[in-house]
């Protein structure tokens, strides 16, 4: 989803609230500090909002960027790991191109989930790789002997 799609979804949410009489263009202008004409032009697709403008509108309406995203899109891109159970940790098996290059593995990229003892995983020392502090720590990949 790109910025223009997010703005379209914000317009849809705002129009929904206006039709339900929970909001008015003038009320939104007062909440955000924008001119009423600016809000009207945005709602009627005559102008777009800057990033700062979107943040102000979202904050004024107690919305989050997550409220504008499609639930299926969020689930598709979310991390695939479920909570660990007891003494075991879930470790994903992914294709080598994802396992070696992606900071997190999404559901679509997971081939399998295997369980490992937490005590075993704690004994494995991390390699000193810069810029990977936020990467998923343990990921498995199968490679051919030729690779």
C-alpha atoms as a PDB file:
ATOM      1  CA  UNK A   1       0.000   0.000   0.000  1.00  0.00           C
ATOM      2  CA  UNK A   2       1.460   3.375  -0.965  1.00  0.00           C
ATOM      3  CA  UNK A   3       0.893   6.903   0.384  1.00  0.00           C
ATOM      4  CA  UNK A   4      -1.890   7.764  -2.061  1.00  0.00           C
ATOM      5  CA  UNK A   5      -3.753   4.563  -1.157  1.00  0.00           C
ATOM      6  CA  UNK A   6      -3.423   5.460   2.539  1.00  0.00           C
ATOM      7  CA  UNK A   7      -4.859   8.911   1.822  1.00  0.00           C
ATOM      8  CA  UNK A   8      -7.766   7.373  -0.083  1.00  0.00           C
ATOM      9  CA  UNK A   9      -8.498   5.083   2.859  1.00  0.00           C
ATOM     10  CA  UNK A  10      -8.298   8.069   5.237  1.00  0.00           C
ATOM     11  CA  UNK A  11     -10.789   9.937   3.031  1.00  0.00           C
ATOM     12  CA  UNK A  12     -13.111   6.925   3.100  1.00  0.00           C
ATOM     13  CA  UNK A  13     -12.944   6.704   6.918  1.00  0.00           C
ATOM     14  CA  UNK A  14     -13.541  10.443   7.298  1.00  0.00           C
ATOM     15  CA  UNK A  15     -16.493  10.422   4.876  1.00  0.00           C
ATOM     16  CA  UNK A  16     -17.946   7.484   6.795  1.00  0.00           C
ATOM     17  CA  UNK A  17     -17.790   9.528   9.999  1.00  0.00           C
ATOM     18  CA  UNK A  18     -19.245  12.601   8.280  1.00  0.00           C
ATOM     19  CA  UNK A  19     -22.173  10.590   6.884  1.00  0.00           C
ATOM     20  CA  UNK A  20     -22.786   9.125  10.352  1.00  0.00           C
ATOM     21  CA  UNK A  21     -22.904  12.721  11.674  1.00  0.00           C
ATOM     22  CA  UNK A  22     -19.995  11.998  14.039  1.00  0.00           C
ATOM     23  CA  UNK A  23     -17.811  14.564  12.283  1.00  0.00           C
ATOM     24  CA  UNK A  24     -18.022  17.620  10.066  1.00  0.00           C
ATOM     25  CA  UNK A  25     -15.487  19.268   7.789  1.00  0.00           C
ATOM     26  CA  UNK A  26     -15.507  22.360   9.992  1.00  0.00           C
ATOM     27  CA  UNK A  27     -15.078  20.245  13.128  1.00  0.00           C
ATOM     28  CA  UNK A  28     -12.124  18.410  11.585  1.00  0.00           C
ATOM     29  CA  UNK A  29     -10.581  21.733  10.561  1.00  0.00           C
ATOM     30  CA  UNK A  30     -10.841  22.981  14.147  1.00  0.00           C
ATOM     31  CA  UNK A  31      -9.364  19.747  15.531  1.00  0.00           C
ATOM     32  CA  UNK A  32      -6.383  19.837  13.185  1.00  0.00           C
ATOM     33  CA  UNK A  33      -5.771  23.578  12.953  1.00  0.00           C
ATOM     34  CA  UNK A  34      -6.205  23.543   9.168  1.00  0.00           C
ATOM     35  CA  UNK A  35      -8.414  25.919   7.204  1.00  0.00           C
ATOM     36  CA  UNK A  36     -11.872  24.515   6.487  1.00  0.00           C
ATOM     37  CA  UNK A  37     -11.246  24.957   2.740  1.00  0.00           C
ATOM     38  CA  UNK A  38      -8.080  22.842   2.977  1.00  0.00           C
ATOM     39  CA  UNK A  39     -10.004  20.001   4.642  1.00  0.00           C
ATOM     40  CA  UNK A  40     -12.799  20.331   2.085  1.00  0.00           C
ATOM     41  CA  UNK A  41     -10.309  20.170  -0.796  1.00  0.00           C
ATOM     42  CA  UNK A  42      -8.714  17.061   0.704  1.00  0.00           C
ATOM     43  CA  UNK A  43     -12.050  15.327   1.251  1.00  0.00           C
ATOM     44  CA  UNK A  44     -13.137  16.148  -2.314  1.00  0.00           C
ATOM     45  CA  UNK A  45      -9.848  14.904  -3.835  1.00  0.00           C
ATOM     46  CA  UNK A  46      -8.743  18.346  -4.993  1.00  0.00           C
ATOM     47  CA  UNK A  47      -5.567  18.180  -2.933  1.00  0.00           C
ATOM     48  CA  UNK A  48      -3.568  15.699  -0.909  1.00  0.00           C
ATOM     49  CA  UNK A  49      -2.152  15.951   2.582  1.00  0.00           C
ATOM     50  CA  UNK A  50       1.498  16.148   3.472  1.00  0.00           C
ATOM     51  CA  UNK A  51       2.853  13.495   5.801  1.00  0.00           C
ATOM     52  CA  UNK A  52       2.606  15.983   8.674  1.00  0.00           C
ATOM     53  CA  UNK A  53      -0.964  16.767   7.645  1.00  0.00           C
ATOM     54  CA  UNK A  54      -1.907  13.102   7.668  1.00  0.00           C
ATOM     55  CA  UNK A  55      -0.388  12.711  11.125  1.00  0.00           C
ATOM     56  CA  UNK A  56      -2.424  15.679  12.394  1.00  0.00           C
ATOM     57  CA  UNK A  57      -5.669  14.299  10.964  1.00  0.00           C
ATOM     58  CA  UNK A  58      -4.977  10.804  12.301  1.00  0.00           C
ATOM     59  CA  UNK A  59      -4.171  12.181  15.768  1.00  0.00           C
ATOM     60  CA  UNK A  60      -7.243  14.426  15.799  1.00  0.00           C
ATOM     61  CA  UNK A  61      -9.470  11.452  14.978  1.00  0.00           C
ATOM     62  CA  UNK A  62      -7.672   9.037  17.341  1.00  0.00           C
ATOM     63  CA  UNK A  63      -6.671   6.877  14.395  1.00  0.00           C
ATOM     64  CA  UNK A  64      -3.495   4.957  13.693  1.00  0.00           C
ATOM     65  CA  UNK A  65      -1.884   4.100  10.399  1.00  0.00           C
ATOM     66  CA  UNK A  66      -2.879   0.505  11.180  1.00  0.00           C
ATOM     67  CA  UNK A  67      -6.542   1.567  11.043  1.00  0.00           C
ATOM     68  CA  UNK A  68      -6.010   2.464   7.382  1.00  0.00           C
ATOM     69  CA  UNK A  69      -4.318  -0.767   6.370  1.00  0.00           C
ATOM     70  CA  UNK A  70      -6.168  -3.753   4.998  1.00  0.00           C
ATOM     71  CA  UNK A  71      -6.296  -6.532   7.622  1.00  0.00           C
ATOM     72  CA  UNK A  72      -5.363  -9.165   5.026  1.00  0.00           C
ATOM     73  CA  UNK A  73      -2.300  -7.118   4.062  1.00  0.00           C
ATOM     74  CA  UNK A  74      -1.222  -6.827   7.699  1.00  0.00           C
ATOM     75  CA  UNK A  75      -1.632 -10.560   8.298  1.00  0.00           C
ATOM     76  CA  UNK A  76       0.180 -11.425   5.087  1.00  0.00           C
ATOM     77  CA  UNK A  77       3.217  -9.334   6.035  1.00  0.00           C
ATOM     78  CA  UNK A  78       3.261 -10.004   9.750  1.00  0.00           C
ATOM     79  CA  UNK A  79       5.800 -12.203  11.418  1.00  0.00           C
ATOM     80  CA  UNK A  80       4.915 -15.854  11.273  1.00  0.00           C
ATOM     81  CA  UNK A  81       6.101 -17.001  14.668  1.00  0.00           C
ATOM     82  CA  UNK A  82       3.597 -17.951  17.289  1.00  0.00           C
ATOM     83  CA  UNK A  83       4.425 -17.770  20.966  1.00  0.00           C
ATOM     84  CA  UNK A  84       7.008 -20.203  22.233  1.00  0.00           C
ATOM     85  CA  UNK A  85       5.834 -23.059  24.431  1.00  0.00           C
ATOM     86  CA  UNK A  86       7.555 -23.961  27.702  1.00  0.00           C
ATOM     87  CA  UNK A  87      11.159 -25.044  27.178  1.00  0.00           C
ATOM     88  CA  UNK A  88      10.905 -24.879  23.383  1.00  0.00           C
ATOM     89  CA  UNK A  89      11.314 -22.033  20.894  1.00  0.00           C
ATOM     90  CA  UNK A  90       9.792 -21.948  17.407  1.00  0.00           C
ATOM     91  CA  UNK A  91      12.328 -21.547  14.581  1.00  0.00           C
ATOM     92  CA  UNK A  92      11.169 -21.057  10.989  1.00  0.00           C
ATOM     93  CA  UNK A  93      12.444 -22.865   7.922  1.00  0.00           C
ATOM     94  CA  UNK A  94      12.574 -20.546   4.906  1.00  0.00           C
ATOM     95  CA  UNK A  95      14.039 -20.443   1.416  1.00  0.00           C
ATOM     96  CA  UNK A  96      17.732 -19.417   1.437  1.00  0.00           C
ATOM     97  CA  UNK A  97      17.107 -16.144  -0.417  1.00  0.00           C
ATOM     98  CA  UNK A  98      14.785 -14.987   2.390  1.00  0.00           C
ATOM     99  CA  UNK A  99      16.580 -16.567   5.335  1.00  0.00           C
ATOM    100  CA  UNK A 100      19.890 -14.927   4.416  1.00  0.00           C
ATOM    101  CA  UNK A 101      18.659 -11.491   3.354  1.00  0.00           C
ATOM    102  CA  UNK A 102      15.412 -10.571   5.144  1.00  0.00           C
ATOM    103  CA  UNK A 103      15.404  -9.086   8.670  1.00  0.00           C
ATOM    104  CA  UNK A 104      12.122 -10.864   9.448  1.00  0.00           C
ATOM    105  CA  UNK A 105      10.428 -13.761   7.732  1.00  0.00           C
ATOM    106  CA  UNK A 106       6.782 -13.265   6.751  1.00  0.00           C
ATOM    107  CA  UNK A 107       4.109 -15.960   6.726  1.00  0.00           C
ATOM    108  CA  UNK A 108       4.330 -16.348   2.968  1.00  0.00           C
ATOM    109  CA  UNK A 109       8.044 -17.158   3.186  1.00  0.00           C
ATOM    110  CA  UNK A 110       7.755 -19.857   5.879  1.00  0.00           C
ATOM    111  CA  UNK A 111       8.030 -23.467   4.697  1.00  0.00           C
ATOM    112  CA  UNK A 112       7.909 -25.069   8.142  1.00  0.00           C
ATOM    113  CA  UNK A 113       8.276 -24.317  11.853  1.00  0.00           C
ATOM    114  CA  UNK A 114      10.542 -26.495  13.978  1.00  0.00           C
ATOM    115  CA  UNK A 115      10.926 -26.528  17.748  1.00  0.00           C
ATOM    116  CA  UNK A 116      14.299 -26.286  19.488  1.00  0.00           C
ATOM    117  CA  UNK A 117      15.187 -26.344  23.168  1.00  0.00           C
ATOM    118  CA  UNK A 118      15.648 -22.798  24.457  1.00  0.00           C
ATOM    119  CA  UNK A 119      18.741 -23.911  26.387  1.00  0.00           C
ATOM    120  CA  UNK A 120      20.326 -25.119  23.119  1.00  0.00           C
ATOM    121  CA  UNK A 121      19.570 -21.858  21.319  1.00  0.00           C
ATOM    122  CA  UNK A 122      20.978 -19.782  24.191  1.00  0.00           C
ATOM    123  CA  UNK A 123      24.303 -21.632  23.882  1.00  0.00           C
ATOM    124  CA  UNK A 124      24.681 -20.497  20.255  1.00  0.00           C
ATOM    125  CA  UNK A 125      26.747 -17.311  20.182  1.00  0.00           C
ATOM    126  CA  UNK A 126      25.702 -14.571  17.762  1.00  0.00           C
ATOM    127  CA  UNK A 127      28.142 -13.521  15.053  1.00  0.00           C
ATOM    128  CA  UNK A 128      29.216  -9.895  15.219  1.00  0.00           C
ATOM    129  CA  UNK A 129      27.271  -8.586  12.228  1.00  0.00           C
ATOM    130  CA  UNK A 130      26.591  -4.868  12.104  1.00  0.00           C
ATOM    131  CA  UNK A 131      23.138  -3.592  11.238  1.00  0.00           C
ATOM    132  CA  UNK A 132      21.364  -6.834  12.135  1.00  0.00           C
ATOM    133  CA  UNK A 133      20.433  -6.146  15.747  1.00  0.00           C
ATOM    134  CA  UNK A 134      16.722  -6.174  14.853  1.00  0.00           C
ATOM    135  CA  UNK A 135      16.835  -9.291  12.664  1.00  0.00           C
ATOM    136  CA  UNK A 136      15.024 -12.463  13.607  1.00  0.00           C
ATOM    137  CA  UNK A 137      17.759 -14.374  15.460  1.00  0.00           C
ATOM    138  CA  UNK A 138      17.164 -17.990  14.443  1.00  0.00           C
ATOM    139  CA  UNK A 139      16.096 -19.019  10.941  1.00  0.00           C
ATOM    140  CA  UNK A 140      16.665 -22.355   9.227  1.00  0.00           C
ATOM    141  CA  UNK A 141      17.290 -22.931   5.535  1.00  0.00           C
ATOM    142  CA  UNK A 142      17.899 -26.035   3.444  1.00  0.00           C
ATOM    143  CA  UNK A 143      20.666 -25.908   0.887  1.00  0.00           C
ATOM    144  CA  UNK A 144      21.836 -28.442  -1.681  1.00  0.00           C
ATOM    145  CA  UNK A 145      25.326 -29.904  -1.463  1.00  0.00           C
ATOM    146  CA  UNK A 146      26.055 -27.996  -4.694  1.00  0.00           C
ATOM    147  CA  UNK A 147      25.318 -24.677  -2.993  1.00  0.00           C
END
